[in-house]
Protein backbone atom coordinates (compact mmCIF):
# COMPACT_ATOMS: atom_id res chain seq x y z
CA MET A 1 -1.99 85.65 101.11
CA GLN A 2 -1.87 82.17 102.63
CA THR A 3 -1.01 82.11 106.33
CA LEU A 4 1.52 79.76 107.88
CA PRO A 5 0.65 78.04 111.19
CA ILE A 6 3.28 78.49 113.90
CA ALA A 7 3.27 76.75 117.29
CA LEU A 8 3.34 79.40 120.01
CA ALA A 9 4.30 78.93 123.68
CA LYS A 10 4.07 82.19 125.61
CA GLY A 11 6.22 80.99 128.49
CA ASP A 12 6.33 81.81 132.18
CA GLY A 13 6.94 84.96 134.22
CA ILE A 14 7.25 87.88 131.79
CA GLY A 15 6.79 85.49 128.86
CA PRO A 16 3.09 86.13 128.15
CA GLU A 17 3.37 89.94 128.19
CA ILE A 18 6.45 90.18 125.96
CA MET A 19 4.97 87.59 123.60
CA ASP A 20 1.71 89.55 123.35
CA ALA A 21 3.74 92.67 122.57
CA VAL A 22 5.68 90.90 119.81
CA ILE A 23 2.56 89.37 118.26
CA SER A 24 0.92 92.81 118.17
CA ILE A 25 3.91 94.10 116.18
CA PHE A 26 3.81 91.15 113.80
CA ARG A 27 0.12 91.72 113.13
CA ALA A 28 0.63 95.43 112.56
CA ALA A 29 3.38 94.57 110.07
CA GLY A 30 1.03 92.22 108.24
CA ALA A 31 3.08 89.05 108.77
CA PRO A 32 0.96 86.19 107.33
CA LEU A 33 1.44 83.87 110.29
CA GLU A 34 -1.21 82.01 112.27
CA PHE A 35 -0.03 81.48 115.84
CA VAL A 36 -1.48 78.38 117.50
CA GLU A 37 -0.86 78.32 121.24
CA VAL A 38 0.52 75.14 122.86
CA GLU A 39 0.95 74.20 126.52
CA MET A 40 4.53 74.15 127.77
CA GLY A 41 6.43 75.27 130.86
CA LYS A 42 6.02 75.49 134.60
CA SER A 43 2.26 74.97 134.81
CA VAL A 44 2.54 71.85 132.64
CA PHE A 45 5.25 70.41 134.92
CA GLU A 46 3.01 71.08 137.89
CA ARG A 47 0.16 69.15 136.25
CA GLY A 48 2.35 66.05 136.16
CA PHE A 49 3.87 66.17 132.66
CA SER A 50 7.53 65.42 133.42
CA SER A 51 8.73 66.63 130.00
CA GLY A 52 7.20 70.08 130.53
CA MET A 53 4.94 69.82 127.49
CA THR A 54 1.62 68.15 126.77
CA PRO A 55 1.33 65.42 124.10
CA ALA A 56 -0.87 67.77 122.08
CA ALA A 57 1.86 70.42 122.16
CA LYS A 58 4.48 67.94 120.98
CA GLN A 59 2.21 66.79 118.16
CA LEU A 60 1.47 70.31 116.91
CA ILE A 61 5.12 71.40 117.03
CA GLU A 62 6.15 68.36 115.02
CA LEU A 63 3.34 69.09 112.54
CA THR A 64 4.27 72.75 111.99
CA GLY A 65 8.04 72.34 112.36
CA ILE A 66 8.41 75.71 114.11
CA LEU A 67 8.09 76.71 117.75
CA PHE A 68 8.08 80.36 118.84
CA LYS A 69 8.52 80.45 122.60
CA GLY A 70 8.93 82.83 125.47
CA PRO A 71 11.19 82.20 128.48
CA MET A 72 10.18 79.15 130.51
CA GLU A 73 10.77 77.97 134.04
CA THR A 74 11.61 74.44 135.11
CA PRO A 75 10.67 73.75 138.77
CA LYS A 76 13.84 73.56 140.84
CA GLY A 77 14.80 70.77 143.22
CA LYS A 78 12.35 68.22 141.80
CA GLY A 79 14.69 66.33 139.46
CA MET A 80 13.00 67.62 136.30
CA LYS A 81 15.03 68.34 133.18
CA SER A 82 15.09 71.86 131.74
CA ILE A 83 12.20 72.29 129.30
CA ASN A 84 14.40 74.57 127.19
CA VAL A 85 17.17 71.99 126.80
CA THR A 86 14.65 69.15 126.36
CA ALA A 87 12.92 70.92 123.48
CA ARG A 88 16.21 71.59 121.69
CA LYS A 89 17.43 68.02 122.07
CA VAL A 90 14.19 66.11 121.39
CA TRP A 91 13.86 67.79 117.99
CA ASN A 92 17.58 67.78 117.22
CA THR A 93 17.93 71.53 116.81
CA TYR A 94 21.66 71.03 116.58
CA ALA A 95 22.74 74.63 115.86
CA ASN A 96 21.99 77.49 118.24
CA LYS A 97 22.48 80.76 116.34
CA ARG A 98 22.70 84.01 118.31
CA VAL A 99 23.38 87.37 116.68
CA PHE A 100 24.95 90.20 118.66
CA LYS A 101 24.91 93.63 117.01
CA SER A 102 25.44 97.15 118.24
CA LEU A 103 22.11 99.00 118.32
CA HIS A 104 21.90 102.78 117.96
CA GLY A 105 20.34 104.19 121.09
CA VAL A 106 21.58 101.37 123.32
CA ASP A 107 24.60 102.69 125.14
CA THR A 108 27.49 100.34 125.87
CA VAL A 109 31.21 100.79 126.49
CA PHE A 110 31.86 99.91 122.86
CA SER A 111 29.13 102.08 121.33
CA LYS A 112 30.49 105.06 123.26
CA ALA A 113 33.95 104.27 121.91
CA GLY A 114 32.63 104.06 118.36
CA ILE A 115 33.45 100.35 118.04
CA PRO A 116 30.74 98.48 116.10
CA ILE A 117 29.98 94.86 117.03
CA ASN A 118 28.43 92.29 114.71
CA ILE A 119 29.17 88.78 116.00
CA THR A 120 27.26 85.59 115.26
CA ILE A 121 27.75 82.74 117.71
CA VAL A 122 26.93 79.21 116.55
CA ARG A 123 26.72 76.88 119.50
CA GLU A 124 26.47 73.10 119.16
CA ASN A 125 23.13 72.41 120.78
CA ILE A 126 22.74 68.66 121.42
CA GLU A 127 25.90 67.13 122.86
CA ASP A 128 28.60 67.96 125.41
CA THR A 129 27.67 67.95 129.11
CA TYR A 130 24.11 68.99 128.20
CA GLY A 131 23.23 65.33 127.83
CA GLY A 132 22.83 65.58 131.59
CA ILE A 133 24.11 62.01 132.06
CA GLU A 134 25.33 62.06 135.65
CA HIS A 135 26.08 59.48 138.33
CA MET A 136 27.38 59.50 141.88
CA LEU A 137 30.36 57.11 141.77
CA THR A 138 30.86 57.33 145.51
CA GLN A 139 29.18 59.44 148.18
CA ASP A 140 31.89 62.03 147.54
CA VAL A 141 32.30 61.85 143.75
CA ALA A 142 29.89 62.91 141.01
CA LEU A 143 30.50 62.08 137.35
CA CYS A 144 29.10 63.84 134.29
CA ARG A 145 29.64 62.17 130.92
CA ARG A 146 30.59 64.49 128.08
CA PHE A 147 29.76 63.35 124.56
CA ILE A 148 31.31 64.97 121.50
CA THR A 149 30.56 63.02 118.31
CA ARG A 150 31.99 63.22 114.84
CA PRO A 151 28.59 63.32 113.06
CA GLY A 152 27.24 65.93 115.48
CA SER A 153 30.33 68.11 115.14
CA MET A 154 30.31 67.86 111.35
CA GLN A 155 26.63 68.81 111.34
CA VAL A 156 27.03 72.01 113.32
CA HIS A 157 30.24 73.04 111.54
CA ARG A 158 28.58 72.55 108.15
CA TYR A 159 25.71 74.78 109.28
CA ALA A 160 28.13 77.42 110.60
CA PHE A 161 30.06 77.62 107.33
CA ASP A 162 26.90 77.65 105.18
CA MET A 163 25.46 80.40 107.34
CA ALA A 164 28.75 82.34 107.15
CA VAL A 165 28.58 82.22 103.35
CA LYS A 166 25.01 83.56 103.34
CA LYS A 167 25.98 86.27 105.80
CA GLY A 168 28.93 87.29 103.67
CA ALA A 169 31.35 86.60 106.49
CA LYS A 170 35.05 86.59 105.74
CA LYS A 171 36.22 84.72 108.84
CA ILE A 172 34.97 81.94 111.09
CA THR A 173 36.60 81.05 114.41
CA CYS A 174 36.36 77.77 116.33
CA GLY A 175 36.47 78.17 120.11
CA HIS A 176 37.62 75.10 122.03
CA LYS A 177 39.65 73.64 124.91
CA ALA A 178 41.50 71.02 122.89
CA ASN A 179 44.74 71.77 124.69
CA ILE A 180 43.27 70.03 127.75
CA MET A 181 40.41 67.86 126.45
CA LYS A 182 42.39 66.41 123.60
CA LEU A 183 39.88 63.72 122.56
CA THR A 184 36.55 65.53 122.96
CA ASP A 185 37.39 69.11 122.06
CA GLY A 186 40.12 67.69 119.86
CA LEU A 187 37.48 65.88 117.80
CA PHE A 188 35.35 69.03 117.59
CA LEU A 189 38.36 71.01 116.32
CA GLU A 190 39.40 68.28 113.89
CA CYS A 191 35.93 68.30 112.33
CA PHE A 192 36.03 72.10 112.06
CA TYR A 193 39.11 72.05 109.86
CA GLU A 194 37.78 69.09 107.88
CA VAL A 195 34.67 71.10 106.95
CA ALA A 196 36.73 74.26 106.38
CA LYS A 197 38.43 72.60 103.40
CA ASP A 198 35.15 72.90 101.48
CA TYR A 199 35.00 76.67 102.05
CA PRO A 200 38.34 78.09 100.86
CA GLN A 201 36.80 81.57 100.47
CA ILE A 202 36.39 81.87 104.25
CA GLU A 203 39.34 82.31 106.60
CA ALA A 204 39.18 79.61 109.30
CA ASN A 205 41.07 79.84 112.57
CA ASP A 206 40.74 78.57 116.13
CA VAL A 207 41.19 80.07 119.61
CA ILE A 208 41.33 78.40 123.03
CA VAL A 209 38.09 79.38 124.73
CA ASP A 210 39.58 81.24 127.71
CA ASP A 211 41.73 83.30 125.34
CA LEU A 212 38.63 83.82 123.20
CA ALA A 213 36.74 85.24 126.18
CA MET A 214 39.50 87.78 126.81
CA LYS A 215 39.79 88.77 123.15
CA LEU A 216 36.02 89.24 122.83
CA VAL A 217 36.10 91.72 125.70
CA VAL A 218 39.20 93.54 124.46
CA LYS A 219 38.66 93.54 120.66
CA PRO A 220 35.20 92.19 119.78
CA GLN A 221 35.28 93.89 116.39
CA GLU A 222 37.85 91.35 115.23
CA PHE A 223 35.31 88.49 115.31
CA ASP A 224 32.62 87.64 112.81
CA VAL A 225 31.29 84.06 113.17
CA VAL A 226 32.34 81.90 116.12
CA VAL A 227 31.42 78.22 116.52
CA LEU A 228 31.79 76.39 119.84
CA PRO A 229 30.80 73.22 121.72
CA ASN A 230 27.62 73.39 123.78
CA LEU A 231 28.73 74.46 127.27
CA GLN A 232 31.44 76.84 126.07
CA GLY A 233 29.01 78.26 123.52
CA ASP A 234 26.45 78.90 126.24
CA ILE A 235 28.93 80.88 128.32
CA ILE A 236 30.46 82.82 125.43
CA SER A 237 26.99 83.68 124.11
CA ASP A 238 26.10 85.41 127.37
CA LEU A 239 29.45 87.20 127.35
CA CYS A 240 28.67 88.55 123.87
CA ALA A 241 25.21 89.65 125.04
CA GLY A 242 26.96 91.80 127.61
CA LEU A 243 28.93 93.50 124.85
CA VAL A 244 25.78 94.84 123.15
CA GLY A 245 23.61 95.72 126.16
CA GLY A 246 22.59 92.45 127.80
CA LEU A 247 20.42 89.41 127.22
CA GLY A 248 17.48 91.70 126.44
CA PHE A 249 19.10 92.33 123.04
CA ALA A 250 20.18 88.77 122.21
CA PRO A 251 17.99 86.94 119.68
CA SER A 252 18.25 83.18 119.41
CA ALA A 253 17.35 80.51 116.87
CA ASN A 254 17.71 76.77 117.39
CA ILE A 255 18.00 75.25 113.94
CA GLY A 256 17.37 71.63 113.00
CA ASP A 257 16.87 69.80 109.73
CA HIS A 258 13.15 69.35 110.45
CA ILE A 259 12.15 71.52 113.42
CA SER A 260 13.43 74.92 114.57
CA ILE A 261 12.83 76.90 117.74
CA PHE A 262 12.96 80.68 118.07
CA GLU A 263 13.14 82.09 121.59
CA ALA A 264 14.35 84.81 123.91
CA VAL A 265 17.47 83.69 125.79
CA HIS A 266 16.84 85.64 128.99
CA GLY A 267 14.98 84.30 132.01
CA THR A 268 11.41 84.60 133.21
CA ALA A 269 12.12 87.58 135.55
CA PRO A 270 9.32 86.71 138.00
CA ASP A 271 10.07 89.84 140.05
CA ILE A 272 8.63 92.08 137.32
CA ALA A 273 6.11 89.66 135.79
CA GLY A 274 2.71 91.23 135.20
CA LYS A 275 3.98 94.76 135.88
CA ASP A 276 4.30 95.91 132.25
CA LEU A 277 8.03 96.55 132.73
CA ALA A 278 9.68 93.85 130.60
CA ASN A 279 11.75 94.55 127.49
CA PRO A 280 10.44 92.54 124.49
CA THR A 281 13.39 93.32 122.21
CA SER A 282 15.16 89.95 122.46
CA LEU A 283 11.97 88.04 121.66
CA LEU A 284 11.12 90.47 118.84
CA LEU A 285 14.53 90.02 117.22
CA SER A 286 14.19 86.24 117.60
CA GLY A 287 10.84 86.57 115.86
CA CYS A 288 12.55 88.42 113.01
CA MET A 289 14.90 85.44 112.67
CA LEU A 290 11.76 83.28 112.41
CA LEU A 291 10.40 85.53 109.66
CA ARG A 292 13.61 85.15 107.67
CA HIS A 293 13.52 81.39 108.24
CA VAL A 294 10.14 81.10 106.50
CA GLY A 295 11.02 83.54 103.71
CA LEU A 296 9.36 86.73 104.99
CA ILE A 297 12.53 88.77 104.73
CA GLN A 298 10.85 92.11 103.96
CA HIS A 299 8.60 91.79 106.99
CA ALA A 300 11.66 91.17 109.15
CA LEU A 301 13.47 94.18 107.69
CA ARG A 302 10.49 96.50 108.29
CA ILE A 303 10.11 95.39 111.92
CA GLU A 304 13.85 95.70 112.57
CA GLU A 305 13.91 99.17 111.01
CA ALA A 306 11.05 100.24 113.26
CA LEU A 307 12.77 98.81 116.34
CA TYR A 308 16.09 100.49 115.53
CA LEU A 309 14.39 103.84 114.89
CA THR A 310 12.48 103.56 118.17
CA LEU A 311 15.64 102.85 120.14
CA GLN A 312 17.59 105.56 118.31
CA LYS A 313 14.98 108.13 119.37
CA GLY A 314 15.65 107.26 123.00
CA ILE A 315 12.38 105.37 123.50
CA HIS A 316 13.44 102.73 125.98
CA THR A 317 12.05 100.31 128.51
CA ARG A 318 13.09 100.73 132.14
CA ASP A 319 16.10 98.38 131.93
CA ILE A 320 18.02 100.64 129.53
CA ALA A 321 16.45 104.06 130.03
CA ARG A 322 19.02 106.80 130.47
CA PRO A 323 19.17 108.51 133.88
CA GLY A 324 16.46 111.14 134.15
CA ALA A 325 14.78 110.07 130.90
CA PRO A 326 11.25 108.64 130.82
CA SER A 327 10.83 104.89 130.33
CA TYR A 328 8.13 103.00 128.50
CA GLY A 329 6.20 99.96 129.61
CA THR A 330 6.08 96.78 127.55
CA LYS A 331 2.83 97.66 125.76
CA ALA A 332 3.75 101.30 125.17
CA PHE A 333 7.15 100.30 123.80
CA ALA A 334 5.49 97.89 121.35
CA GLU A 335 3.06 100.62 120.30
CA GLN A 336 5.97 102.95 119.58
CA ILE A 337 7.57 100.31 117.36
CA ILE A 338 4.27 99.91 115.51
CA GLN A 339 4.07 103.66 114.96
CA HIS A 340 7.57 103.60 113.48
CA LEU A 341 6.86 100.79 111.03
CA PRO A 342 7.79 102.05 107.56
CA ALA A 343 4.74 102.36 105.32
CA SER A 344 6.55 100.76 102.41
CA ASN A 345 9.80 99.25 101.21
CA GLY A 346 10.79 102.50 99.56
CA ASN A 347 8.81 102.14 96.34
CA GLY A 348 5.38 103.15 97.62
CA SER A 349 4.04 99.73 98.51
CA VAL A 350 4.78 96.69 100.61
CA THR A 351 5.92 93.92 98.30
CA PRO A 352 3.95 90.70 98.86
CA GLN A 353 6.22 87.82 99.75
CA GLN A 354 5.84 84.14 99.12
CA ILE A 355 6.38 81.92 102.15
CA THR A 356 9.18 79.54 101.16
CA TYR A 357 9.02 77.34 104.26
CA ARG A 358 7.39 73.93 104.08
CA PRO A 359 6.43 71.95 107.23
CA PRO A 360 8.43 68.74 107.76
CA GLN A 361 7.38 65.26 106.76
CA ALA A 362 7.57 62.83 109.66
CA PRO A 363 10.45 60.34 109.14
CA GLN A 364 9.81 56.60 109.24
CA GLY A 365 12.26 56.08 112.08
CA ASN A 366 15.08 57.65 114.04
CA ARG A 367 17.99 58.60 111.79
CA MET A 368 21.28 56.93 112.64
CA MET A 369 24.07 59.44 112.05
CA LEU A 370 27.31 57.73 111.01
CA SER A 371 30.59 59.20 109.83
CA GLY A 372 31.35 56.31 107.47
CA ARG A 373 34.81 55.75 108.92
CA GLN A 374 36.01 52.14 108.83
CA GLU A 375 39.34 52.16 110.64
CA SER A 376 40.68 49.10 112.40
CA GLU A 377 39.56 48.59 116.01
CA GLU A 378 41.54 46.89 118.75
CA THR A 379 40.84 46.43 122.46
CA VAL A 380 44.06 46.75 124.47
CA GLY A 381 42.87 47.06 128.05
CA VAL A 382 40.41 48.63 130.42
CA ASP A 383 40.07 51.59 132.79
CA LEU A 384 38.34 50.56 136.01
CA PHE A 385 36.95 53.33 138.20
CA VAL A 386 36.99 52.03 141.76
CA GLU A 387 36.10 53.26 145.24
CA SER A 388 38.92 53.01 147.78
CA THR A 389 40.51 54.92 150.65
CA ASP A 390 43.75 52.95 150.37
CA GLN A 391 47.04 54.62 149.63
CA PRO A 392 47.85 54.26 145.90
CA SER A 393 50.68 51.79 146.54
CA VAL A 394 48.44 49.61 148.71
CA LEU A 395 45.67 49.64 146.12
CA ALA A 396 48.19 48.72 143.44
CA GLU A 397 49.29 45.62 145.34
CA LYS A 398 45.68 44.50 145.76
CA ILE A 399 45.05 44.86 142.02
CA LYS A 400 48.26 43.12 141.00
CA ALA A 401 47.45 40.15 143.24
CA VAL A 402 44.33 39.26 141.22
CA LEU A 403 45.54 40.04 137.68
CA PRO A 404 45.79 37.02 135.40
CA GLU A 405 48.94 36.34 133.39
CA GLY A 406 49.33 38.59 130.37
CA TYR A 407 47.96 41.75 131.99
CA ALA A 408 49.72 44.59 133.77
CA LEU A 409 48.66 47.44 136.01
CA THR A 410 50.04 50.45 134.12
CA LEU A 411 48.40 53.42 135.84
CA ILE A 412 46.43 54.55 138.85
CA SER A 413 45.15 58.12 138.79
CA ASN A 414 43.08 60.21 141.16
CA ARG A 415 41.02 63.12 139.81
CA GLY A 416 42.97 62.72 136.58
CA THR A 417 46.44 62.93 138.14
CA GLN A 418 48.83 59.97 138.14
CA VAL A 419 49.48 58.53 141.61
CA PHE A 420 51.01 55.18 140.53
CA PRO A 421 53.61 54.06 139.48
CA TYR A 422 55.03 57.60 139.80
CA ALA A 423 53.52 60.07 142.21
CA SER A 424 54.04 62.95 144.59
CA LEU A 425 53.10 62.78 148.24
CA PHE A 426 51.73 66.30 147.83
CA THR A 427 48.92 65.06 145.53
CA ASP A 428 45.68 65.05 147.55
CA CYS A 429 43.34 62.16 146.79
CA ILE A 430 39.64 61.43 147.09
CA ASN A 431 38.02 58.00 147.47
CA GLN A 432 37.73 57.20 143.80
CA TYR A 433 40.59 56.01 141.59
CA ARG A 434 41.03 55.19 137.93
CA VAL A 435 42.88 51.87 137.56
CA ARG A 436 44.30 51.17 134.09
CA ILE A 437 45.00 47.58 133.13
CA GLU A 438 46.57 46.78 129.78
CA ALA A 439 47.70 43.65 128.00
CA ASP A 440 51.44 43.05 128.20
CA GLN A 441 51.38 42.79 124.43
CA PRO A 442 48.40 44.13 122.44
CA SER A 443 46.55 41.28 120.87
CA ALA A 444 43.50 41.02 118.63
CA SER A 445 42.34 38.13 120.83
CA ILE A 446 41.52 40.52 123.70
CA THR A 447 37.77 40.99 123.85
CA GLN A 448 35.26 42.79 126.02
CA HIS A 449 34.42 39.42 127.55
CA ASN A 450 38.07 39.09 128.64
CA MET A 451 37.90 42.54 130.14
CA LEU A 452 34.65 41.75 131.96
CA ASP A 453 36.17 38.61 133.43
CA LEU A 454 39.21 40.62 134.52
CA SER A 455 36.93 43.29 136.01
CA ALA A 456 35.11 40.64 138.02
CA LYS A 457 38.42 39.55 139.56
CA VAL A 458 39.23 43.13 140.54
CA ALA A 459 35.72 43.49 142.00
CA ASN A 460 36.63 40.78 144.50
CA VAL A 461 39.11 43.16 146.18
CA VAL A 462 37.69 46.64 145.57
CA ARG A 463 34.28 48.13 144.68
CA LEU A 464 33.83 48.95 140.98
CA CYS A 465 32.14 52.26 140.07
CA SER A 466 32.42 52.29 136.29
CA ILE A 467 34.24 50.66 133.35
CA GLU A 468 35.67 52.08 130.12
CA TRP A 469 37.42 50.09 127.40
CA LEU A 470 40.85 51.08 126.10
CA MET A 471 40.67 51.09 122.31
CA LEU A 472 42.96 51.68 119.36
CA TYR A 473 41.31 53.10 116.22
CA GLY A 474 43.46 52.96 113.14
CA GLY A 475 46.35 52.04 115.43
CA LYS A 476 46.01 55.26 117.46
CA LYS A 477 45.22 55.44 121.17
CA ALA A 478 41.59 56.40 121.74
CA TYR A 479 42.04 57.19 125.43
CA SER A 480 43.75 59.94 127.37
CA LEU A 481 46.85 59.98 129.51
CA ALA A 482 46.80 61.15 133.11
CA GLN A 483 48.41 64.37 134.26
CA GLY A 484 51.99 63.52 135.11
CA GLN A 485 52.03 60.34 133.05
C-alpha cells in the first residue's frame, strides 16, 4: 500500500515522548503514513527563527498539506508570537474542531451520574483578538483590535454545518456576545443564520456565551455542535475538556482548505518531561482525526477501540489513575493499547483502505476573500481617539473651538461610556477619550481627506492616538453607540 508523507513536529516538554508513543501505536496498527520530522518550537526560536519554524519546515508542511504536532512552547517575555497561533493563521486553518466525548473508564461527575457527553466545538481560528494587533495609546491605555469578517465567519459556519451533517447532528448552536458587541459578534451571528438557511434539516439556535458556559456545566447533554468566535471558542473548549476528564482527553484538528494541523491542546508540562509520566491520549485521538482526514477510517476505528478498551479495563496513566490503583507510564500505556488492537474489523481480516487525501497545489497568489456585497457607502464623520487629562466639558470646548463650519461634536466617551454631552460625575475616567465628530447634515461630498484635514485641526489642541471613520453601509450606521448614549 502506498504511504502518505506527513510533516511531524514532536514539540517541546512532554511532546517527544507522547509523540513517540502515538507513532508506535500507528505503526502497530499498520497505518500507511510516512512521518517526516520538521523543526519547530522552542529550540528553533532560540536559534534565531522568530516565527518558531525553519524555512525547510514551512516548505515541507506546505508540500504535504498536513502537520501532526505535539505541544510547543513559545519563549515568554521576548516579544515572540505563539508558534501554535502562528501556524494556524499562516496556513489559514480557519476551523478548529475539538471533540469531547465521555470515555468509559475515565471517571467524571457526569460519567458517575450516567450522563453521556458528545459535544463538538467548532472555533473560528483566524480572526478575533488572536490577530494580536495591539498598541499602547497612552502610557496607561492599551488597545487590542478585534477583527470579525463576513467572509471569515461564513467560511467557519459553512464548515460547521457541513461537519454537522456528516456527524449526523440534529442541532447546532452559535455562541456569541452580540448583546454587547453588536457589530463584531453581531456580524458573526448574522452569518450563522445566513448559512443555516441552506441546512433546514438541522435545528439552529444561538446562546449568549456566558449563558452557554453555565448551561454546558449544568446540562451538557443538551448540546451537540457549538460554533463560536476565536477567543470565546478557546475558553469554552477548555471548559468542555473539563467535562470529560481534562485536556488530556481533548483531541484537536485545525482545518483549512489546503493545509490542516492535528495537535494535542494541552501544554508542554515541563515538570514531568522526560519522566515517562505523560498521558498521550489527547495526541492519539488527534491522530485518529488525522487518519479520518486522509481516508483511513478503519485504522482510526481500530485504534480508538483499543484505547477505549484499555481505559475501560482501568489501565491509566498517573493523571487519572484511581486512588490505590497502579498507574502506567507513557510507554507502558502505549504498549497496552497496542496489545488491545483488534486483530480484524470483525470479518477475519483488516480491510485495506485507499488513501483519499491529496496534497495541495500551491496557489498562484494570496486569495482575496470577498462577500460580494455592493451596498452604498457614505462617510458621515470620524471618531478621534485622543490623549487628555482634561475634564470632558473642558475637552469639548477645545474641540469645538477648532471645528470648521458644517461639523459638530456629538459625543465624547471614556472607556466606552458617554461623558459628553450627557454624563455623570460618578463616571471615572482615564487619560484617553473617544471624540466623535459628525457632519451637521450627512453629505456624499464628505471624504476621508476632509476627515484628515479636520483631524489635523484637532491635533493642534490635543494629541491624537488613533482615527476611525464613521460609515453608513446601505444607509445603516456601521459604528457603535457609547454606553449611556
